[in-house]
Amino acid sequence: MKQRKIPLRTCVITKESLPKSELLRVVRTPEGDVQVDETGKLNGRGAYIKKDVSVLEKAQKSKMLEKRLEVEIEDSVYEEIRKIIEKWGESHYDDFRRLCNWYW
């Protein structure tokens, strides 16, 4: 049976190559708006960031996302990213706990 390739992308902050599922895509649309792209299909210039709050804080301080997308990013977008990351972290923690309980 063939193994499927796992698409890898690079985090613009940490420069790590990670599976797309572990990254969050932030997009500058052709109209100049900045949106969080959870589907990975929005049209526009995109940048990937690792789903980690410390990486998000580093991105906000260094303004690296703004440089990559060539547009100013409002605080509300950073808050939306933070909520998504925290929600993702909780669900992965629950999955990990279930797996550990099943294994032991």
PDB file of N, CA and C in Angstrom:
ATOM      1  N   MET A   1       0.838  -1.181   0.000  1.00  0.00           N
ATOM      2  CA  MET A   1       0.000   0.000   0.000  1.00  0.00           C
ATOM      3  C   MET A   1       0.887   1.249   0.000  1.00  0.00           C
ATOM      4  N   LYS A   2       0.563   2.189  -0.864  1.00  0.00           N
ATOM      5  CA  LYS A   2       1.343   3.422  -0.947  1.00  0.00           C
ATOM      6  C   LYS A   2       1.098   4.310   0.270  1.00  0.00           C
ATOM      7  N   GLN A   3       2.178   4.914   0.738  1.00  0.00           N
ATOM      8  CA  GLN A   3       2.023   5.878   1.814  1.00  0.00           C
ATOM      9  C   GLN A   3       1.810   7.257   1.210  1.00  0.00           C
ATOM     10  N   ARG A   4       0.856   7.979   1.773  1.00  0.00           N
ATOM     11  CA  ARG A   4       0.586   9.327   1.293  1.00  0.00           C
ATOM     12  C   ARG A   4       1.651  10.278   1.794  1.00  0.00           C
ATOM     13  N   LYS A   5       2.032  11.196   0.933  1.00  0.00           N
ATOM     14  CA  LYS A   5       2.980  12.227   1.357  1.00  0.00           C
ATOM     15  C   LYS A   5       2.268  13.205   2.274  1.00  0.00           C
ATOM     16  N   ILE A   6       2.962  13.600   3.317  1.00  0.00           N
ATOM     17  CA  ILE A   6       2.424  14.608   4.227  1.00  0.00           C
ATOM     18  C   ILE A   6       2.978  15.947   3.775  1.00  0.00           C
ATOM     19  N   PRO A   7       2.086  16.885   3.383  1.00  0.00           N
ATOM     20  CA  PRO A   7       2.589  18.180   2.917  1.00  0.00           C
ATOM     21  C   PRO A   7       3.256  18.959   4.047  1.00  0.00           C
ATOM     22  N   LEU A   8       4.468  19.423   3.793  1.00  0.00           N
ATOM     23  CA  LEU A   8       5.219  20.207   4.772  1.00  0.00           C
ATOM     24  C   LEU A   8       5.251  21.665   4.345  1.00  0.00           C
ATOM     25  N   ARG A   9       5.203  22.541   5.324  1.00  0.00           N
ATOM     26  CA  ARG A   9       5.344  23.970   5.099  1.00  0.00           C
ATOM     27  C   ARG A   9       6.301  24.514   6.144  1.00  0.00           C
ATOM     28  N   THR A  10       6.848  25.699   5.914  1.00  0.00           N
ATOM     29  CA  THR A  10       7.821  26.291   6.826  1.00  0.00           C
ATOM     30  C   THR A  10       7.186  27.430   7.620  1.00  0.00           C
ATOM     31  N   CYS A  11       7.386  27.394   8.927  1.00  0.00           N
ATOM     32  CA  CYS A  11       6.927  28.470   9.794  1.00  0.00           C
ATOM     33  C   CYS A  11       7.805  29.690   9.535  1.00  0.00           C
ATOM     34  N   VAL A  12       7.197  30.862   9.334  1.00  0.00           N
ATOM     35  CA  VAL A  12       7.971  32.067   9.034  1.00  0.00           C
ATOM     36  C   VAL A  12       8.726  32.589  10.253  1.00  0.00           C
ATOM     37  N   ILE A  13       8.379  32.121  11.436  1.00  0.00           N
ATOM     38  CA  ILE A  13       9.026  32.590  12.656  1.00  0.00           C
ATOM     39  C   ILE A  13      10.162  31.656  13.064  1.00  0.00           C
ATOM     40  N   THR A  14       9.868  30.364  13.196  1.00  0.00           N
ATOM     41  CA  THR A  14      10.868  29.413  13.685  1.00  0.00           C
ATOM     42  C   THR A  14      11.687  28.779  12.572  1.00  0.00           C
ATOM     43  N   LYS A  15      11.245  28.918  11.338  1.00  0.00           N
ATOM     44  CA  LYS A  15      11.903  28.324  10.159  1.00  0.00           C
ATOM     45  C   LYS A  15      11.876  26.797  10.178  1.00  0.00           C
ATOM     46  N   GLU A  16      10.979  26.200  10.978  1.00  0.00           N
ATOM     47  CA  GLU A  16      10.838  24.746  11.029  1.00  0.00           C
ATOM     48  C   GLU A  16       9.938  24.277   9.896  1.00  0.00           C
ATOM     49  N   SER A  17      10.271  23.147   9.285  1.00  0.00           N
ATOM     50  CA  SER A  17       9.382  22.514   8.323  1.00  0.00           C
ATOM     51  C   SER A  17       8.489  21.541   9.084  1.00  0.00           C
ATOM     52  N   LEU A  18       7.190  21.800   9.037  1.00  0.00           N
ATOM     53  CA  LEU A  18       6.228  21.005   9.791  1.00  0.00           C
ATOM     54  C   LEU A  18       5.069  20.603   8.888  1.00  0.00           C
ATOM     55  N   PRO A  19       4.328  19.558   9.278  1.00  0.00           N
ATOM     56  CA  PRO A  19       3.118  19.216   8.527  1.00  0.00           C
ATOM     57  C   PRO A  19       2.122  20.374   8.565  1.00  0.00           C
ATOM     58  N   LYS A  20       1.361  20.534   7.500  1.00  0.00           N
ATOM     59  CA  LYS A  20       0.404  21.641   7.422  1.00  0.00           C
ATOM     60  C   LYS A  20      -0.570  21.637   8.591  1.00  0.00           C
ATOM     61  N   SER A  21      -0.873  20.453   9.130  1.00  0.00           N
ATOM     62  CA  SER A  21      -1.833  20.357  10.230  1.00  0.00           C
ATOM     63  C   SER A  21      -1.324  21.009  11.513  1.00  0.00           C
ATOM     64  N   GLU A  22      -0.011  21.185  11.637  1.00  0.00           N
ATOM     65  CA  GLU A  22       0.575  21.797  12.827  1.00  0.00           C
ATOM     66  C   GLU A  22       0.847  23.289  12.643  1.00  0.00           C
ATOM     67  N   LEU A  23       0.454  23.820  11.507  1.00  0.00           N
ATOM     68  CA  LEU A  23       0.668  25.230  11.203  1.00  0.00           C
ATOM     69  C   LEU A  23      -0.663  25.916  10.934  1.00  0.00           C
ATOM     70  N   LEU A  24      -0.658  27.213  11.081  1.00  0.00           N
ATOM     71  CA  LEU A  24      -1.826  28.029  10.800  1.00  0.00           C
ATOM     72  C   LEU A  24      -1.472  29.011   9.696  1.00  0.00           C
ATOM     73  N   ARG A  25      -2.332  29.113   8.704  1.00  0.00           N
ATOM     74  CA  ARG A  25      -2.062  29.994   7.568  1.00  0.00           C
ATOM     75  C   ARG A  25      -2.748  31.338   7.780  1.00  0.00           C
ATOM     76  N   VAL A  26      -1.994  32.399   7.614  1.00  0.00           N
ATOM     77  CA  VAL A  26      -2.514  33.762   7.690  1.00  0.00           C
ATOM     78  C   VAL A  26      -2.381  34.346   6.291  1.00  0.00           C
ATOM     79  N   VAL A  27      -3.453  34.959   5.789  1.00  0.00           N
ATOM     80  CA  VAL A  27      -3.505  35.376   4.387  1.00  0.00           C
ATOM     81  C   VAL A  27      -3.793  36.863   4.263  1.00  0.00           C
ATOM     82  N   ARG A  28      -3.082  37.502   3.320  1.00  0.00           N
ATOM     83  CA  ARG A  28      -3.440  38.852   2.886  1.00  0.00           C
ATOM     84  C   ARG A  28      -4.224  38.671   1.599  1.00  0.00           C
ATOM     85  N   THR A  29      -5.491  39.038   1.641  1.00  0.00           N
ATOM     86  CA  THR A  29      -6.348  38.866   0.469  1.00  0.00           C
ATOM     87  C   THR A  29      -5.990  39.899  -0.595  1.00  0.00           C
ATOM     88  N   PRO A  30      -6.434  39.688  -1.836  1.00  0.00           N
ATOM     89  CA  PRO A  30      -6.165  40.675  -2.889  1.00  0.00           C
ATOM     90  C   PRO A  30      -6.694  42.078  -2.553  1.00  0.00           C
ATOM     91  N   GLU A  31      -7.704  42.150  -1.672  1.00  0.00           N
ATOM     92  CA  GLU A  31      -8.245  43.457  -1.253  1.00  0.00           C
ATOM     93  C   GLU A  31      -7.389  44.115  -0.181  1.00  0.00           C
ATOM     94  N   GLY A  32      -6.417  43.381   0.382  1.00  0.00           N
ATOM     95  CA  GLY A  32      -5.531  43.944   1.400  1.00  0.00           C
ATOM     96  C   GLY A  32      -5.924  43.601   2.823  1.00  0.00           C
ATOM     97  N   ASP A  33      -6.998  42.825   3.008  1.00  0.00           N
ATOM     98  CA  ASP A  33      -7.413  42.391   4.343  1.00  0.00           C
ATOM     99  C   ASP A  33      -6.537  41.234   4.804  1.00  0.00           C
ATOM    100  N   VAL A  34      -6.397  41.096   6.118  1.00  0.00           N
ATOM    101  CA  VAL A  34      -5.655  39.967   6.683  1.00  0.00           C
ATOM    102  C   VAL A  34      -6.659  39.045   7.354  1.00  0.00           C
ATOM    103  N   GLN A  35      -6.606  37.757   6.989  1.00  0.00           N
ATOM    104  CA  GLN A  35      -7.530  36.779   7.542  1.00  0.00           C
ATOM    105  C   GLN A  35      -6.776  35.526   7.947  1.00  0.00           C
ATOM    106  N   VAL A  36      -7.337  34.810   8.923  1.00  0.00           N
ATOM    107  CA  VAL A  36      -6.806  33.512   9.307  1.00  0.00           C
ATOM    108  C   VAL A  36      -7.473  32.481   8.408  1.00  0.00           C
ATOM    109  N   ASP A  37      -6.670  31.646   7.768  1.00  0.00           N
ATOM    110  CA  ASP A  37      -7.171  30.668   6.810  1.00  0.00           C
ATOM    111  C   ASP A  37      -7.049  29.268   7.399  1.00  0.00           C
ATOM    112  N   GLU A  38      -8.120  28.801   8.049  1.00  0.00           N
ATOM    113  CA  GLU A  38      -8.082  27.469   8.653  1.00  0.00           C
ATOM    114  C   GLU A  38      -8.233  26.370   7.608  1.00  0.00           C
ATOM    115  N   THR A  39      -8.790  26.695   6.443  1.00  0.00           N
ATOM    116  CA  THR A  39      -8.988  25.687   5.396  1.00  0.00           C
ATOM    117  C   THR A  39      -7.761  25.532   4.512  1.00  0.00           C
ATOM    118  N   GLY A  40      -6.930  26.568   4.451  1.00  0.00           N
ATOM    119  CA  GLY A  40      -5.750  26.522   3.595  1.00  0.00           C
ATOM    120  C   GLY A  40      -6.065  26.789   2.136  1.00  0.00           C
ATOM    121  N   LYS A  41      -7.252  27.321   1.860  1.00  0.00           N
ATOM    122  CA  LYS A  41      -7.673  27.496   0.471  1.00  0.00           C
ATOM    123  C   LYS A  41      -8.005  28.934   0.083  1.00  0.00           C
ATOM    124  N   LEU A  42      -7.863  29.865   1.015  1.00  0.00           N
ATOM    125  CA  LEU A  42      -8.185  31.255   0.684  1.00  0.00           C
ATOM    126  C   LEU A  42      -7.208  31.797  -0.352  1.00  0.00           C
ATOM    127  N   ASN A  43      -7.722  32.645  -1.204  1.00  0.00           N
ATOM    128  CA  ASN A  43      -6.912  33.259  -2.247  1.00  0.00           C
ATOM    129  C   ASN A  43      -6.106  34.412  -1.645  1.00  0.00           C
ATOM    130  N   GLY A  44      -4.856  34.509  -2.008  1.00  0.00           N
ATOM    131  CA  GLY A  44      -4.019  35.614  -1.546  1.00  0.00           C
ATOM    132  C   GLY A  44      -2.652  35.147  -1.103  1.00  0.00           C
ATOM    133  N   ARG A  45      -1.863  36.107  -0.632  1.00  0.00           N
ATOM    134  CA  ARG A  45      -0.507  35.814  -0.164  1.00  0.00           C
ATOM    135  C   ARG A  45      -0.583  35.249   1.247  1.00  0.00           C
ATOM    136  N   GLY A  46      -0.002  34.072   1.457  1.00  0.00           N
ATOM    137  CA  GLY A  46      -0.106  33.410   2.745  1.00  0.00           C
ATOM    138  C   GLY A  46       1.230  33.254   3.441  1.00  0.00           C
ATOM    139  N   ALA A  47       1.162  33.135   4.746  1.00  0.00           N
ATOM    140  CA  ALA A  47       2.339  32.849   5.570  1.00  0.00           C
ATOM    141  C   ALA A  47       1.891  31.869   6.649  1.00  0.00           C
ATOM    142  N   TYR A  48       2.748  30.910   6.956  1.00  0.00           N
ATOM    143  CA  TYR A  48       2.424  29.890   7.946  1.00  0.00           C
ATOM    144  C   TYR A  48       3.123  30.187   9.264  1.00  0.00           C
ATOM    145  N   ILE A  49       2.380  29.936  10.356  1.00  0.00           N
ATOM    146  CA  ILE A  49       2.921  30.124  11.694  1.00  0.00           C
ATOM    147  C   ILE A  49       2.595  28.875  12.510  1.00  0.00           C
ATOM    148  N   LYS A  50       3.563  28.450  13.308  1.00  0.00           N
ATOM    149  CA  LYS A  50       3.396  27.277  14.159  1.00  0.00           C
ATOM    150  C   LYS A  50       2.299  27.533  15.172  1.00  0.00           C
ATOM    151  N   LYS A  51       1.490  26.506  15.461  1.00  0.00           N
ATOM    152  CA  LYS A  51       0.397  26.635  16.420  1.00  0.00           C
ATOM    153  C   LYS A  51       0.953  26.546  17.839  1.00  0.00           C
ATOM    154  N   ASP A  52       1.581  27.633  18.260  1.00  0.00           N
ATOM    155  CA  ASP A  52       2.210  27.719  19.576  1.00  0.00           C
ATOM    156  C   ASP A  52       2.116  29.177  20.026  1.00  0.00           C
ATOM    157  N   VAL A  53       1.610  29.393  21.230  1.00  0.00           N
ATOM    158  CA  VAL A  53       1.399  30.754  21.730  1.00  0.00           C
ATOM    159  C   VAL A  53       2.717  31.521  21.827  1.00  0.00           C
ATOM    160  N   SER A  54       3.793  30.855  22.236  1.00  0.00           N
ATOM    161  CA  SER A  54       5.079  31.555  22.355  1.00  0.00           C
ATOM    162  C   SER A  54       5.576  32.007  20.977  1.00  0.00           C
ATOM    163  N   VAL A  55       5.308  31.221  19.953  1.00  0.00           N
ATOM    164  CA  VAL A  55       5.693  31.605  18.589  1.00  0.00           C
ATOM    165  C   VAL A  55       4.846  32.789  18.134  1.00  0.00           C
ATOM    166  N   LEU A  56       3.572  32.784  18.487  1.00  0.00           N
ATOM    167  CA  LEU A  56       2.696  33.907  18.138  1.00  0.00           C
ATOM    168  C   LEU A  56       3.188  35.196  18.796  1.00  0.00           C
ATOM    169  N   GLU A  57       3.564  35.109  20.068  1.00  0.00           N
ATOM    170  CA  GLU A  57       4.075  36.300  20.768  1.00  0.00           C
ATOM    171  C   GLU A  57       5.352  36.820  20.110  1.00  0.00           C
ATOM    172  N   LYS A  58       6.216  35.902  19.712  1.00  0.00           N
ATOM    173  CA  LYS A  58       7.443  36.296  19.028  1.00  0.00           C
ATOM    174  C   LYS A  58       7.122  36.968  17.690  1.00  0.00           C
ATOM    175  N   ALA A  59       6.118  36.439  16.987  1.00  0.00           N
ATOM    176  CA  ALA A  59       5.702  37.015  15.701  1.00  0.00           C
ATOM    177  C   ALA A  59       5.160  38.421  15.888  1.00  0.00           C
ATOM    178  N   GLN A  60       4.403  38.606  16.954  1.00  0.00           N
ATOM    179  CA  GLN A  60       3.811  39.923  17.216  1.00  0.00           C
ATOM    180  C   GLN A  60       4.890  40.946  17.586  1.00  0.00           C
ATOM    181  N   LYS A  61       5.869  40.538  18.385  1.00  0.00           N
ATOM    182  CA  LYS A  61       6.938  41.453  18.791  1.00  0.00           C
ATOM    183  C   LYS A  61       7.852  41.812  17.615  1.00  0.00           C
ATOM    184  N   SER A  62       8.199  40.812  16.832  1.00  0.00           N
ATOM    185  CA  SER A  62       9.137  41.040  15.730  1.00  0.00           C
ATOM    186  C   SER A  62       8.473  41.592  14.477  1.00  0.00           C
ATOM    187  N   LYS A  63       7.127  41.541  14.430  1.00  0.00           N
ATOM    188  CA  LYS A  63       6.342  41.989  13.278  1.00  0.00           C
ATOM    189  C   LYS A  63       6.729  41.223  12.000  1.00  0.00           C
ATOM    190  N   MET A  64       7.158  39.975  12.186  1.00  0.00           N
ATOM    191  CA  MET A  64       7.581  39.166  11.046  1.00  0.00           C
ATOM    192  C   MET A  64       6.420  38.849  10.104  1.00  0.00           C
ATOM    193  N   LEU A  65       5.237  38.579  10.668  1.00  0.00           N
ATOM    194  CA  LEU A  65       4.076  38.319   9.807  1.00  0.00           C
ATOM    195  C   LEU A  65       3.752  39.536   8.955  1.00  0.00           C
ATOM    196  N   GLU A  66       3.846  40.704   9.552  1.00  0.00           N
ATOM    197  CA  GLU A  66       3.569  41.935   8.814  1.00  0.00           C
ATOM    198  C   GLU A  66       4.569  42.115   7.677  1.00  0.00           C
ATOM    199  N   LYS A  67       5.824  41.795   7.942  1.00  0.00           N
ATOM    200  CA  LYS A  67       6.844  41.923   6.898  1.00  0.00           C
ATOM    201  C   LYS A  67       6.594  40.930   5.774  1.00  0.00           C
ATOM    202  N   ARG A  68       6.237  39.686   6.121  1.00  0.00           N
ATOM    203  CA  ARG A  68       6.001  38.659   5.107  1.00  0.00           C
ATOM    204  C   ARG A  68       4.770  38.955   4.263  1.00  0.00           C
ATOM    205  N   LEU A  69       3.721  39.464   4.910  1.00  0.00           N
ATOM    206  CA  LEU A  69       2.480  39.744   4.185  1.00  0.00           C
ATOM    207  C   LEU A  69       2.461  41.153   3.599  1.00  0.00           C
ATOM    208  N   GLU A  70       3.453  41.956   3.955  1.00  0.00           N
ATOM    209  CA  GLU A  70       3.591  43.324   3.449  1.00  0.00           C
ATOM    210  C   GLU A  70       2.353  44.178   3.730  1.00  0.00           C
ATOM    211  N   VAL A  71       1.836  44.057   4.966  1.00  0.00           N
ATOM    212  CA  VAL A  71       0.664  44.821   5.388  1.00  0.00           C
ATOM    213  C   VAL A  71       0.650  44.870   6.919  1.00  0.00           C
ATOM    214  N   GLU A  72       0.028  45.919   7.477  1.00  0.00           N
ATOM    215  CA  GLU A  72      -0.112  46.000   8.934  1.00  0.00           C
ATOM    216  C   GLU A  72      -1.191  45.046   9.392  1.00  0.00           C
ATOM    217  N   ILE A  73      -0.942  44.380  10.528  1.00  0.00           N
ATOM    218  CA  ILE A  73      -1.900  43.431  11.076  1.00  0.00           C
ATOM    219  C   ILE A  73      -2.450  44.004  12.372  1.00  0.00           C
ATOM    220  N   GLU A  74      -3.784  44.053  12.471  1.00  0.00           N
ATOM    221  CA  GLU A  74      -4.440  44.590  13.659  1.00  0.00           C
ATOM    222  C   GLU A  74      -4.348  43.595  14.811  1.00  0.00           C
ATOM    223  N   ASP A  75      -4.467  44.116  16.041  1.00  0.00           N
ATOM    224  CA  ASP A  75      -4.422  43.270  17.233  1.00  0.00           C
ATOM    225  C   ASP A  75      -5.544  42.247  17.248  1.00  0.00           C
ATOM    226  N   SER A  76      -6.681  42.575  16.643  1.00  0.00           N
ATOM    227  CA  SER A  76      -7.813  41.640  16.624  1.00  0.00           C
ATOM    228  C   SER A  76      -7.465  40.361  15.863  1.00  0.00           C
ATOM    229  N   VAL A  77      -6.647  40.474  14.834  1.00  0.00           N
ATOM    230  CA  VAL A  77      -6.219  39.288  14.076  1.00  0.00           C
ATOM    231  C   VAL A  77      -5.319  38.418  14.947  1.00  0.00           C
ATOM    232  N   TYR A  78      -4.409  39.049  15.695  1.00  0.00           N
ATOM    233  CA  TYR A  78      -3.543  38.293  16.598  1.00  0.00           C
ATOM    234  C   TYR A  78      -4.368  37.591  17.687  1.00  0.00           C
ATOM    235  N   GLU A  79      -5.415  38.252  18.173  1.00  0.00           N
ATOM    236  CA  GLU A  79      -6.286  37.632  19.182  1.00  0.00           C
ATOM    237  C   GLU A  79      -7.032  36.440  18.597  1.00  0.00           C
ATOM    238  N   GLU A  80      -7.482  36.564  17.358  1.00  0.00           N
ATOM    239  CA  GLU A  80      -8.158  35.451  16.688  1.00  0.00           C
ATOM    240  C   GLU A  80      -7.199  34.265  16.539  1.00  0.00           C
ATOM    241  N   ILE A  81      -5.961  34.545  16.166  1.00  0.00           N
ATOM    242  CA  ILE A  81      -4.947  33.487  16.033  1.00  0.00           C
ATOM    243  C   ILE A  81      -4.713  32.821  17.392  1.00  0.00           C
ATOM    244  N   ARG A  82      -4.615  33.631  18.449  1.00  0.00           N
ATOM    245  CA  ARG A  82      -4.391  33.096  19.799  1.00  0.00           C
ATOM    246  C   ARG A  82      -5.520  32.149  20.198  1.00  0.00           C
ATOM    247  N   LYS A  83      -6.770  32.534  19.938  1.00  0.00           N
ATOM    248  CA  LYS A  83      -7.917  31.685  20.291  1.00  0.00           C
ATOM    249  C   LYS A  83      -7.872  30.358  19.535  1.00  0.00           C
ATOM    250  N   ILE A  84      -7.532  30.415  18.271  1.00  0.00           N
ATOM    251  CA  ILE A  84      -7.455  29.200  17.461  1.00  0.00           C
ATOM    252  C   ILE A  84      -6.353  28.278  17.980  1.00  0.00           C
ATOM    253  N   ILE A  85      -5.202  28.851  18.316  1.00  0.00           N
ATOM    254  CA  ILE A  85      -4.085  28.059  18.829  1.00  0.00           C
ATOM    255  C   ILE A  85      -4.448  27.418  20.163  1.00  0.00           C
ATOM    256  N   GLU A  86      -5.082  28.180  21.050  1.00  0.00           N
ATOM    257  CA  GLU A  86      -5.451  27.637  22.352  1.00  0.00           C
ATOM    258  C   GLU A  86      -6.481  26.530  22.210  1.00  0.00           C
ATOM    259  N   LYS A  87      -7.455  26.719  21.310  1.00  0.00           N
ATOM    260  CA  LYS A  87      -8.466  25.686  21.060  1.00  0.00           C
ATOM    261  C   LYS A  87      -7.803  24.425  20.498  1.00  0.00           C
ATOM    262  N   TRP A  88      -6.864  24.598  19.574  1.00  0.00           N
ATOM    263  CA  TRP A  88      -6.158  23.470  18.962  1.00  0.00           C
ATOM    264  C   TRP A  88      -5.331  22.724  20.013  1.00  0.00           C
ATOM    265  N   GLY A  89      -4.667  23.463  20.881  1.00  0.00           N
ATOM    266  CA  GLY A  89      -3.852  22.843  21.927  1.00  0.00           C
ATOM    267  C   GLY A  89      -4.678  22.014  22.887  1.00  0.00           C
ATOM    268  N   GLU A  90      -5.857  22.509  23.269  1.00  0.00           N
ATOM    269  CA  GLU A  90      -6.728  21.767  24.175  1.00  0.00           C
ATOM    270  C   GLU A  90      -7.197  20.469  23.535  1.00  0.00           C
ATOM    271  N   SER A  91      -7.579  20.515  22.271  1.00  0.00           N
ATOM    272  CA  SER A  91      -8.072  19.308  21.610  1.00  0.00           C
ATOM    273  C   SER A  91      -6.952  18.278  21.453  1.00  0.00           C
ATOM    274  N   HIS A  92      -5.726  18.723  21.182  1.00  0.00           N
ATOM    275  CA  HIS A  92      -4.611  17.793  21.057  1.00  0.00           C
ATOM    276  C   HIS A  92      -4.236  17.200  22.408  1.00  0.00           C
ATOM    277  N   TYR A  93      -4.372  17.981  23.466  1.00  0.00           N
ATOM    278  CA  TYR A  93      -4.092  17.471  24.803  1.00  0.00           C
ATOM    279  C   TYR A  93      -5.092  16.378  25.165  1.00  0.00           C
ATOM    280  N   ASP A  94      -6.373  16.596  24.840  1.00  0.00           N
ATOM    281  CA  ASP A  94      -7.405  15.594  25.108  1.00  0.00           C
ATOM    282  C   ASP A  94      -7.139  14.315  24.330  1.00  0.00           C
ATOM    283  N   ASP A  95      -6.750  14.443  23.060  1.00  0.00           N
ATOM    284  CA  ASP A  95      -6.424  13.266  22.243  1.00  0.00           C
ATOM    285  C   ASP A  95      -5.257  12.497  22.858  1.00  0.00           C
ATOM    286  N   PHE A  96      -4.248  13.231  23.318  1.00  0.00           N
ATOM    287  CA  PHE A  96      -3.074  12.610  23.927  1.00  0.00           C
ATOM    288  C   PHE A  96      -3.465  11.850  25.194  1.00  0.00           C
ATOM    289  N   ARG A  97      -4.312  12.461  26.018  1.00  0.00           N
ATOM    290  CA  ARG A  97      -4.757  11.810  27.254  1.00  0.00           C
ATOM    291  C   ARG A  97      -5.538  10.541  26.945  1.00  0.00           C
ATOM    292  N   ARG A  98      -6.428  10.596  25.944  1.00  0.00           N
ATOM    293  CA  ARG A  98      -7.193   9.410  25.560  1.00  0.00           C
ATOM    294  C   ARG A  98      -6.268   8.293  25.094  1.00  0.00           C
ATOM    295  N   LEU A  99      -5.278   8.647  24.309  1.00  0.00           N
ATOM    296  CA  LEU A  99      -4.323   7.668  23.814  1.00  0.00           C
ATOM    297  C   LEU A  99      -3.539   7.040  24.961  1.00  0.00           C
ATOM    298  N   CYS A 100      -3.106   7.865  25.911  1.00  0.00           N
ATOM    299  CA  CYS A 100      -2.374   7.338  27.061  1.00  0.00           C
ATOM    300  C   CYS A 100      -3.244   6.409  27.901  1.00  0.00           C
ATOM    301  N   ASN A 101      -4.494   6.789  28.107  1.00  0.00           N
ATOM    302  CA  ASN A 101      -5.405   5.947  28.890  1.00  0.00           C
ATOM    303  C   ASN A 101      -5.656   4.625  28.178  1.00  0.00           C
ATOM    304  N   TRP A 102      -5.779   4.664  26.871  1.00  0.00           N
ATOM    305  CA  TRP A 102      -6.002   3.447  26.111  1.00  0.00           C
ATOM    306  C   TRP A 102      -4.777   2.539  26.182  1.00  0.00           C
ATOM    307  N   TYR A 103      -3.600   3.146  26.089  1.00  0.00           N
ATOM    308  CA  TYR A 103      -2.362   2.374  26.079  1.00  0.00           C
ATOM    309  C   TYR A 103      -2.085   1.735  27.432  1.00  0.00           C
ATOM    310  N   TRP A 104      -2.277   2.478  28.516  1.00  0.00           N
ATOM    311  CA  TRP A 104      -1.960   1.963  29.844  1.00  0.00           C
ATOM    312  C   TRP A 104      -3.137   1.193  30.359  1.00  0.00           C
TER     313      TRP A 104
END
